[in-house]
Amino acid sequence: MSMDRKREQLMQNWVRTQLNDSKMVITPLTGDASFRSYLRAKSQDKSFIIMNAPPEKEDIGPWITIARRMRNASLNTPEIFSEDRKNGFILMSDLGDTTYLDALNADTVDVLYRDAISALFGMQQRCKADDLPVYDEVRLRTEMNLFPEWFLERHLGLKIRASERMIIERVFEKLVASALEQPQAFVHRDYHSRNLMRRDRENPGILDFQDAVRGPITYDLVSLLRDCYIEWPADKVLAWVNQYRDRLTKAGVIGDRELRFKRWFDWMGLQRHIKVLGIFARLNYRDGKPGYLKDLPRVLGYVLQVAGKNKDLGPFAEWLVDKTADIDLTQPREEA
């Protein structure tokens, strides 16, 4: 999001004071799905990142708290050099321009995911979660309710009948139960290729962690391996899942040869992807950010892949296939 002139001048003056450099150069960076924006400051051959988070829109306090917690756990998050909580500015280290999404291909994926999976395991093992918001039933359902409101009704233009709501509700009940029966740990909530930075040392750099919660052990794993922005063959994903399960078993987090782990993983992904269908539609219609519509077919594919192979979820999959057939999900729908 763009800054008004007054706020831009306020930020520039603050950064100049922090860096003690009147000749620094500030350039904007691509924004994300939030109200925050980021800029790069070049000063005396050094590079810094500025976070601009208007205080009436976002509180930078959680970002600062989680950033320091993760750095103290030997994870590569930005180092905070200065903060202005009143005005919503942070001056931090620069983790570069190369996201995992930019760097991932068939030749690099194994090494990059090895590092990301190792960092995830360390995050779950070393980051305190007891004082974080809990990923409870209310939070899980609030997220999934974006699906009927924004994807089904607004994007597809459906009028959902009572019988159809019952089909959806039965799925929601199963997904909530599966999430809550898992071991609970530190959850990043957006651990995927756009928030991981490829680094030559201490790979990966980790961003966008401010919404961390205490939640299901498989949540971040499925965010990474069934990424909304890039897809990998099912056999590769299964191998990574089994490797992670073995790590958790050796660490005593889950029981020996935990047979439920794959179902936990699949159903956690289904909860996340149902939510994301609603979020991506909302980003277009409410927030004027149409760029996420192009990823809807991939996300829907994940939903149908999991729901379609489980007899308990089959009616939902069949219904959703029927409602999305012959529709170009990447195109916005005009209101009648």
Foldseek 3Di string as FASTA:
>chain_A
DDDDPVLVVVVLVVVCVLLVAPPKDKAWDDQDLAQKTKIWIADPNFIKIKIQDALVGDQCVLVVVVQVLLVVLVAFEWAWSDDDRVGRMTITHDQDDAFLVNVDDPVCVVVQVVLLLVSLVSQFVRGDAPPFAACALVVLVVLLVLLCVQQVCFFLVDDADPVNVVLVVLLSVVLRVLWVVAQKTKDQQQQERVQWGQDPPSGTHGDNRSNIHTTHPQQNVLCHQLPLSDHDDPVVSVVVQVVSVVVCCVVVRDDDPPVCSVVSNLSSLLSVLSSVSSVQSCCCPPVVDLPSQVSNVSSVVSNLVSLCVDPSSNVVSVVVCVSCPPPSSSDGDDDD
